[in-house]
């Protein structure tokens, strides 16, 4: 996370992380 934040900025890292988290959690029941 620190490496990514250093290269693309902390704001973008947070946005990508939260978006990825939302997608992964939302798709989890479909792959059970």
ModelCIF file with pLDDT and N, C-alpha, C, O atoms, coordinates in Angstrom:
data_MODEL
#
_entry.id   MODEL 
#
_entity.id                         1 
_entity.type                       polymer 
_entity.pdbx_number_of_molecules   1 
#
_entity_poly.entity_id                      1 
_entity_poly.type                           'polypeptide(L)' 
_entity_poly.nstd_linkage                   no 
_entity_poly.nstd_monomer                   no 
_entity_poly.pdbx_seq_one_letter_code       
;(UNK)(UNK)(UNK)(UNK)(UNK)(UNK)(UNK)(UNK)(UNK)(UNK)(UNK)(UNK)(UNK)(UNK)(UNK)(UNK)
(UNK)(UNK)(UNK)(UNK)(UNK)(UNK)(UNK)(UNK)(UNK)(UNK)(UNK)(UNK)(UNK)(UNK)(UNK)(UNK)
;
_entity_poly.pdbx_seq_one_letter_code_can   XXXXXXXXXXXXXXXXXXXXXXXXXXXXXXXX 
_entity_poly.pdbx_strand_id                 A 
#
loop_
_entity_poly_seq.entity_id 
_entity_poly_seq.num 
_entity_poly_seq.mon_id 
_entity_poly_seq.hetero 
1 1  UNK n 
1 2  UNK n 
1 3  UNK n 
1 4  UNK n 
1 5  UNK n 
1 6  UNK n 
1 7  UNK n 
1 8  UNK n 
1 9  UNK n 
1 10 UNK n 
1 11 UNK n 
1 12 UNK n 
1 13 UNK n 
1 14 UNK n 
1 15 UNK n 
1 16 UNK n 
1 17 UNK n 
1 18 UNK n 
1 19 UNK n 
1 20 UNK n 
1 21 UNK n 
1 22 UNK n 
1 23 UNK n 
1 24 UNK n 
1 25 UNK n 
1 26 UNK n 
1 27 UNK n 
1 28 UNK n 
1 29 UNK n 
1 30 UNK n 
1 31 UNK n 
1 32 UNK n 
#
_struct_asym.id          A 
_struct_asym.entity_id   1 
#
loop_
_ma_qa_metric.id 
_ma_qa_metric.mode 
_ma_qa_metric.name 
_ma_qa_metric.software_group_id 
_ma_qa_metric.type 
1 global pLDDT . pLDDT 
2 local  pLDDT . pLDDT 
#
_ma_qa_metric_global.metric_id      1 
_ma_qa_metric_global.metric_value   90.19 
_ma_qa_metric_global.model_id       1 
_ma_qa_metric_global.ordinal_id     1 
#
loop_
_ma_qa_metric_local.label_asym_id 
_ma_qa_metric_local.label_comp_id 
_ma_qa_metric_local.label_seq_id 
_ma_qa_metric_local.metric_id 
_ma_qa_metric_local.metric_value 
_ma_qa_metric_local.model_id 
_ma_qa_metric_local.ordinal_id 
A UNK 1  2 73.00 1 1  
A UNK 2  2 79.00 1 2  
A UNK 3  2 82.00 1 3  
A UNK 4  2 85.00 1 4  
A UNK 5  2 83.00 1 5  
A UNK 6  2 84.00 1 6  
A UNK 7  2 86.00 1 7  
A UNK 8  2 89.00 1 8  
A UNK 9  2 90.00 1 9  
A UNK 10 2 90.00 1 10 
A UNK 11 2 91.00 1 11 
A UNK 12 2 92.00 1 12 
A UNK 13 2 94.00 1 13 
A UNK 14 2 94.00 1 14 
A UNK 15 2 95.00 1 15 
A UNK 16 2 94.00 1 16 
A UNK 17 2 95.00 1 17 
A UNK 18 2 95.00 1 18 
A UNK 19 2 96.00 1 19 
A UNK 20 2 96.00 1 20 
A UNK 21 2 95.00 1 21 
A UNK 22 2 95.00 1 22 
A UNK 23 2 95.00 1 23 
A UNK 24 2 95.00 1 24 
A UNK 25 2 93.00 1 25 
A UNK 26 2 93.00 1 26 
A UNK 27 2 93.00 1 27 
A UNK 28 2 91.00 1 28 
A UNK 29 2 91.00 1 29 
A UNK 30 2 91.00 1 30 
A UNK 31 2 90.00 1 31 
A UNK 32 2 81.00 1 32 
#
loop_
_atom_site.group_PDB 
_atom_site.id 
_atom_site.type_symbol 
_atom_site.label_atom_id 
_atom_site.label_alt_id 
_atom_site.label_comp_id 
_atom_site.label_asym_id 
_atom_site.label_entity_id 
_atom_site.label_seq_id 
_atom_site.pdbx_PDB_ins_code 
_atom_site.Cartn_x 
_atom_site.Cartn_y 
_atom_site.Cartn_z 
_atom_site.occupancy 
_atom_site.B_iso_or_equiv 
_atom_site.pdbx_formal_charge 
_atom_site.auth_seq_id 
_atom_site.auth_comp_id 
_atom_site.auth_asym_id 
_atom_site.auth_atom_id 
_atom_site.pdbx_PDB_model_num 
ATOM 1   N N  . UNK A 1 1  ? 0.806   -1.213  0.000  1.00 73.00 ? 1  UNK A N  1 
ATOM 2   C CA . UNK A 1 1  ? 0.000   0.000   0.000  1.00 73.00 ? 1  UNK A CA 1 
ATOM 3   C C  . UNK A 1 1  ? 0.836   1.256   0.000  1.00 73.00 ? 1  UNK A C  1 
ATOM 4   O O  . UNK A 1 1  ? 0.511   2.228   -0.683 1.00 73.00 ? 1  UNK A O  1 
ATOM 5   N N  . UNK A 1 2  ? 1.925   1.242   0.774  1.00 79.00 ? 2  UNK A N  1 
ATOM 6   C CA . UNK A 1 2  ? 2.815   2.393   0.804  1.00 79.00 ? 2  UNK A CA 1 
ATOM 7   C C  . UNK A 1 2  ? 3.508   2.602   -0.527 1.00 79.00 ? 2  UNK A C  1 
ATOM 8   O O  . UNK A 1 2  ? 3.665   3.735   -0.981 1.00 79.00 ? 2  UNK A O  1 
ATOM 9   N N  . UNK A 1 3  ? 3.920   1.515   -1.149 1.00 82.00 ? 3  UNK A N  1 
ATOM 10  C CA . UNK A 1 3  ? 4.575   1.585   -2.450 1.00 82.00 ? 3  UNK A CA 1 
ATOM 11  C C  . UNK A 1 3  ? 3.632   2.183   -3.489 1.00 82.00 ? 3  UNK A C  1 
ATOM 12  O O  . UNK A 1 3  ? 4.012   3.077   -4.245 1.00 82.00 ? 3  UNK A O  1 
ATOM 13  N N  . UNK A 1 4  ? 2.402   1.681   -3.519 1.00 85.00 ? 4  UNK A N  1 
ATOM 14  C CA . UNK A 1 4  ? 1.427   2.173   -4.489 1.00 85.00 ? 4  UNK A CA 1 
ATOM 15  C C  . UNK A 1 4  ? 1.102   3.643   -4.208 1.00 85.00 ? 4  UNK A C  1 
ATOM 16  O O  . UNK A 1 4  ? 1.022   4.447   -5.137 1.00 85.00 ? 4  UNK A O  1 
ATOM 17  N N  . UNK A 1 5  ? 0.917   3.993   -2.943 1.00 83.00 ? 5  UNK A N  1 
ATOM 18  C CA . UNK A 1 5  ? 0.607   5.384   -2.585 1.00 83.00 ? 5  UNK A CA 1 
ATOM 19  C C  . UNK A 1 5  ? 1.742   6.319   -2.983 1.00 83.00 ? 5  UNK A C  1 
ATOM 20  O O  . UNK A 1 5  ? 1.497   7.447   -3.409 1.00 83.00 ? 5  UNK A O  1 
ATOM 21  N N  . UNK A 1 6  ? 2.976   5.859   -2.847 1.00 84.00 ? 6  UNK A N  1 
ATOM 22  C CA . UNK A 1 6  ? 4.120   6.682   -3.245 1.00 84.00 ? 6  UNK A CA 1 
ATOM 23  C C  . UNK A 1 6  ? 4.146   6.932   -4.739 1.00 84.00 ? 6  UNK A C  1 
ATOM 24  O O  . UNK A 1 6  ? 4.627   7.974   -5.186 1.00 84.00 ? 6  UNK A O  1 
ATOM 25  N N  . UNK A 1 7  ? 3.631   5.986   -5.522 1.00 86.00 ? 7  UNK A N  1 
ATOM 26  C CA . UNK A 1 7  ? 3.723   6.108   -6.976 1.00 86.00 ? 7  UNK A CA 1 
ATOM 27  C C  . UNK A 1 7  ? 2.500   6.733   -7.633 1.00 86.00 ? 7  UNK A C  1 
ATOM 28  O O  . UNK A 1 7  ? 2.638   7.433   -8.636 1.00 86.00 ? 7  UNK A O  1 
ATOM 29  N N  . UNK A 1 8  ? 1.311   6.500   -7.096 1.00 89.00 ? 8  UNK A N  1 
ATOM 30  C CA . UNK A 1 8  ? 0.124   7.092   -7.732 1.00 89.00 ? 8  UNK A CA 1 
ATOM 31  C C  . UNK A 1 8  ? -0.610  8.061   -6.809 1.00 89.00 ? 8  UNK A C  1 
ATOM 32  O O  . UNK A 1 8  ? -1.591  8.678   -7.223 1.00 89.00 ? 8  UNK A O  1 
ATOM 33  N N  . UNK A 1 9  ? -0.159  8.203   -5.584 1.00 90.00 ? 9  UNK A N  1 
ATOM 34  C CA . UNK A 1 9  ? -0.793  9.115   -4.633 1.00 90.00 ? 9  UNK A CA 1 
ATOM 35  C C  . UNK A 1 9  ? -1.734  8.379   -3.696 1.00 90.00 ? 9  UNK A C  1 
ATOM 36  O O  . UNK A 1 9  ? -2.332  7.366   -4.058 1.00 90.00 ? 9  UNK A O  1 
ATOM 37  N N  . UNK A 1 10 ? -1.852  8.905   -2.496 1.00 90.00 ? 10 UNK A N  1 
ATOM 38  C CA . UNK A 1 10 ? -2.688  8.233   -1.497 1.00 90.00 ? 10 UNK A CA 1 
ATOM 39  C C  . UNK A 1 10 ? -4.168  8.297   -1.853 1.00 90.00 ? 10 UNK A C  1 
ATOM 40  O O  . UNK A 1 10 ? -4.904  7.345   -1.593 1.00 90.00 ? 10 UNK A O  1 
ATOM 41  N N  . UNK A 1 11 ? -4.612  9.396   -2.438 1.00 91.00 ? 11 UNK A N  1 
ATOM 42  C CA . UNK A 1 11 ? -6.028  9.520   -2.802 1.00 91.00 ? 11 UNK A CA 1 
ATOM 43  C C  . UNK A 1 11 ? -6.444  8.484   -3.827 1.00 91.00 ? 11 UNK A C  1 
ATOM 44  O O  . UNK A 1 11 ? -7.468  7.820   -3.663 1.00 91.00 ? 11 UNK A O  1 
ATOM 45  N N  . UNK A 1 12 ? -5.660  8.342   -4.878 1.00 92.00 ? 12 UNK A N  1 
ATOM 46  C CA . UNK A 1 12 ? -5.981  7.348   -5.903 1.00 92.00 ? 12 UNK A CA 1 
ATOM 47  C C  . UNK A 1 12 ? -5.899  5.933   -5.342 1.00 92.00 ? 12 UNK A C  1 
ATOM 48  O O  . UNK A 1 12 ? -6.707  5.073   -5.693 1.00 92.00 ? 12 UNK A O  1 
ATOM 49  N N  . UNK A 1 13 ? -4.926  5.695   -4.474 1.00 94.00 ? 13 UNK A N  1 
ATOM 50  C CA . UNK A 1 13 ? -4.787  4.374   -3.876 1.00 94.00 ? 13 UNK A CA 1 
ATOM 51  C C  . UNK A 1 13 ? -6.021  4.026   -3.060 1.00 94.00 ? 13 UNK A C  1 
ATOM 52  O O  . UNK A 1 13 ? -6.516  2.901   -3.125 1.00 94.00 ? 13 UNK A O  1 
ATOM 53  N N  . UNK A 1 14 ? -6.519  4.989   -2.293 1.00 94.00 ? 14 UNK A N  1 
ATOM 54  C CA . UNK A 1 14 ? -7.717  4.744   -1.483 1.00 94.00 ? 14 UNK A CA 1 
ATOM 55  C C  . UNK A 1 14 ? -8.928  4.473   -2.367 1.00 94.00 ? 14 UNK A C  1 
ATOM 56  O O  . UNK A 1 14 ? -9.712  3.567   -2.086 1.00 94.00 ? 14 UNK A O  1 
ATOM 57  N N  . UNK A 1 15 ? -9.082  5.250   -3.426 1.00 95.00 ? 15 UNK A N  1 
ATOM 58  C CA . UNK A 1 15 ? -10.216 5.057   -4.340 1.00 95.00 ? 15 UNK A CA 1 
ATOM 59  C C  . UNK A 1 15 ? -10.168 3.667   -4.971 1.00 95.00 ? 15 UNK A C  1 
ATOM 60  O O  . UNK A 1 15 ? -11.173 2.955   -4.983 1.00 95.00 ? 15 UNK A O  1 
ATOM 61  N N  . UNK A 1 16 ? -9.009  3.279   -5.494 1.00 94.00 ? 16 UNK A N  1 
ATOM 62  C CA . UNK A 1 16 ? -8.878  1.965   -6.133 1.00 94.00 ? 16 UNK A CA 1 
ATOM 63  C C  . UNK A 1 16 ? -9.104  0.855   -5.105 1.00 94.00 ? 16 UNK A C  1 
ATOM 64  O O  . UNK A 1 16 ? -9.758  -0.143  -5.410 1.00 94.00 ? 16 UNK A O  1 
ATOM 65  N N  . UNK A 1 17 ? -8.577  1.014   -3.907 1.00 95.00 ? 17 UNK A N  1 
ATOM 66  C CA . UNK A 1 17 ? -8.736  -0.004  -2.865 1.00 95.00 ? 17 UNK A CA 1 
ATOM 67  C C  . UNK A 1 17 ? -10.194 -0.176  -2.478 1.00 95.00 ? 17 UNK A C  1 
ATOM 68  O O  . UNK A 1 17 ? -10.681 -1.303  -2.395 1.00 95.00 ? 17 UNK A O  1 
ATOM 69  N N  . UNK A 1 18 ? -10.900 0.922   -2.238 1.00 95.00 ? 18 UNK A N  1 
ATOM 70  C CA . UNK A 1 18 ? -12.303 0.829   -1.845 1.00 95.00 ? 18 UNK A CA 1 
ATOM 71  C C  . UNK A 1 18 ? -13.169 0.274   -2.963 1.00 95.00 ? 18 UNK A C  1 
ATOM 72  O O  . UNK A 1 18 ? -14.090 -0.503  -2.714 1.00 95.00 ? 18 UNK A O  1 
ATOM 73  N N  . UNK A 1 19 ? -12.874 0.671   -4.193 1.00 96.00 ? 19 UNK A N  1 
ATOM 74  C CA . UNK A 1 19 ? -13.636 0.147   -5.328 1.00 96.00 ? 19 UNK A CA 1 
ATOM 75  C C  . UNK A 1 19 ? -13.398 -1.360  -5.476 1.00 96.00 ? 19 UNK A C  1 
ATOM 76  O O  . UNK A 1 19 ? -14.343 -2.122  -5.677 1.00 96.00 ? 19 UNK A O  1 
ATOM 77  N N  . UNK A 1 20 ? -12.141 -1.784  -5.376 1.00 96.00 ? 20 UNK A N  1 
ATOM 78  C CA . UNK A 1 20 ? -11.815 -3.211  -5.464 1.00 96.00 ? 20 UNK A CA 1 
ATOM 79  C C  . UNK A 1 20 ? -12.476 -3.986  -4.340 1.00 96.00 ? 20 UNK A C  1 
ATOM 80  O O  . UNK A 1 20 ? -12.991 -5.084  -4.552 1.00 96.00 ? 20 UNK A O  1 
ATOM 81  N N  . UNK A 1 21 ? -12.463 -3.416  -3.145 1.00 95.00 ? 21 UNK A N  1 
ATOM 82  C CA . UNK A 1 21 ? -13.105 -4.057  -2.003 1.00 95.00 ? 21 UNK A CA 1 
ATOM 83  C C  . UNK A 1 21 ? -14.603 -4.228  -2.238 1.00 95.00 ? 21 UNK A C  1 
ATOM 84  O O  . UNK A 1 21 ? -15.156 -5.296  -1.973 1.00 95.00 ? 21 UNK A O  1 
ATOM 85  N N  . UNK A 1 22 ? -15.253 -3.194  -2.729 1.00 95.00 ? 22 UNK A N  1 
ATOM 86  C CA . UNK A 1 22 ? -16.699 -3.264  -2.991 1.00 95.00 ? 22 UNK A CA 1 
ATOM 87  C C  . UNK A 1 22 ? -17.019 -4.324  -4.035 1.00 95.00 ? 22 UNK A C  1 
ATOM 88  O O  . UNK A 1 22 ? -17.972 -5.086  -3.872 1.00 95.00 ? 22 UNK A O  1 
ATOM 89  N N  . UNK A 1 23 ? -16.239 -4.380  -5.096 1.00 95.00 ? 23 UNK A N  1 
ATOM 90  C CA . UNK A 1 23 ? -16.478 -5.371  -6.153 1.00 95.00 ? 23 UNK A CA 1 
ATOM 91  C C  . UNK A 1 23 ? -16.235 -6.781  -5.632 1.00 95.00 ? 23 UNK A C  1 
ATOM 92  O O  . UNK A 1 23 ? -17.053 -7.675  -5.848 1.00 95.00 ? 23 UNK A O  1 
ATOM 93  N N  . UNK A 1 24 ? -15.108 -6.980  -4.944 1.00 95.00 ? 24 UNK A N  1 
ATOM 94  C CA . UNK A 1 24 ? -14.777 -8.322  -4.440 1.00 95.00 ? 24 UNK A CA 1 
ATOM 95  C C  . UNK A 1 24 ? -15.845 -8.828  -3.472 1.00 95.00 ? 24 UNK A C  1 
ATOM 96  O O  . UNK A 1 24 ? -16.276 -9.977  -3.562 1.00 95.00 ? 24 UNK A O  1 
ATOM 97  N N  . UNK A 1 25 ? -16.265 -7.975  -2.555 1.00 93.00 ? 25 UNK A N  1 
ATOM 98  C CA . UNK A 1 25 ? -17.287 -8.405  -1.594 1.00 93.00 ? 25 UNK A CA 1 
ATOM 99  C C  . UNK A 1 25 ? -18.623 -8.665  -2.272 1.00 93.00 ? 25 UNK A C  1 
ATOM 100 O O  . UNK A 1 25 ? -19.323 -9.617  -1.925 1.00 93.00 ? 25 UNK A O  1 
ATOM 101 N N  . UNK A 1 26 ? -18.976 -7.834  -3.227 1.00 93.00 ? 26 UNK A N  1 
ATOM 102 C CA . UNK A 1 26 ? -20.270 -7.999  -3.906 1.00 93.00 ? 26 UNK A CA 1 
ATOM 103 C C  . UNK A 1 26 ? -20.313 -9.260  -4.756 1.00 93.00 ? 26 UNK A C  1 
ATOM 104 O O  . UNK A 1 26 ? -21.375 -9.862  -4.911 1.00 93.00 ? 26 UNK A O  1 
ATOM 105 N N  . UNK A 1 27 ? -19.185 -9.665  -5.303 1.00 93.00 ? 27 UNK A N  1 
ATOM 106 C CA . UNK A 1 27 ? -19.147 -10.858 -6.152 1.00 93.00 ? 27 UNK A CA 1 
ATOM 107 C C  . UNK A 1 27 ? -18.949 -12.148 -5.360 1.00 93.00 ? 27 UNK A C  1 
ATOM 108 O O  . UNK A 1 27 ? -19.174 -13.236 -5.889 1.00 93.00 ? 27 UNK A O  1 
ATOM 109 N N  . UNK A 1 28 ? -18.536 -12.039 -4.121 1.00 91.00 ? 28 UNK A N  1 
ATOM 110 C CA . UNK A 1 28 ? -18.220 -13.227 -3.329 1.00 91.00 ? 28 UNK A CA 1 
ATOM 111 C C  . UNK A 1 28 ? -19.362 -14.250 -3.255 1.00 91.00 ? 28 UNK A C  1 
ATOM 112 O O  . UNK A 1 28 ? -19.093 -15.443 -3.400 1.00 91.00 ? 28 UNK A O  1 
ATOM 113 N N  . UNK A 1 29 ? -20.608 -13.851 -3.039 1.00 91.00 ? 29 UNK A N  1 
ATOM 114 C CA . UNK A 1 29 ? -21.677 -14.864 -2.989 1.00 91.00 ? 29 UNK A CA 1 
ATOM 115 C C  . UNK A 1 29 ? -21.872 -15.610 -4.307 1.00 91.00 ? 29 UNK A C  1 
ATOM 116 O O  . UNK A 1 29 ? -22.350 -16.745 -4.309 1.00 91.00 ? 29 UNK A O  1 
ATOM 117 N N  . UNK A 1 30 ? -21.511 -14.990 -5.417 1.00 91.00 ? 30 UNK A N  1 
ATOM 118 C CA . UNK A 1 30 ? -21.707 -15.649 -6.710 1.00 91.00 ? 30 UNK A CA 1 
ATOM 119 C C  . UNK A 1 30 ? -20.670 -16.730 -6.972 1.00 91.00 ? 30 UNK A C  1 
ATOM 120 O O  . UNK A 1 30 ? -20.864 -17.570 -7.850 1.00 91.00 ? 30 UNK A O  1 
ATOM 121 N N  . UNK A 1 31 ? -19.574 -16.722 -6.226 1.00 90.00 ? 31 UNK A N  1 
ATOM 122 C CA . UNK A 1 31 ? -18.520 -17.714 -6.456 1.00 90.00 ? 31 UNK A CA 1 
ATOM 123 C C  . UNK A 1 31 ? -18.433 -18.749 -5.337 1.00 90.00 ? 31 UNK A C  1 
ATOM 124 O O  . UNK A 1 31 ? -17.499 -19.550 -5.310 1.00 90.00 ? 31 UNK A O  1 
ATOM 125 N N  . UNK A 1 32 ? -19.380 -18.742 -4.426 1.00 81.00 ? 32 UNK A N  1 
ATOM 126 C CA . UNK A 1 32 ? -19.283 -19.622 -3.256 1.00 81.00 ? 32 UNK A CA 1 
ATOM 127 C C  . UNK A 1 32 ? -19.245 -21.102 -3.613 1.00 81.00 ? 32 UNK A C  1 
ATOM 128 O O  . UNK A 1 32 ? -19.164 -21.949 -2.723 1.00 81.00 ? 32 UNK A O  1 
#
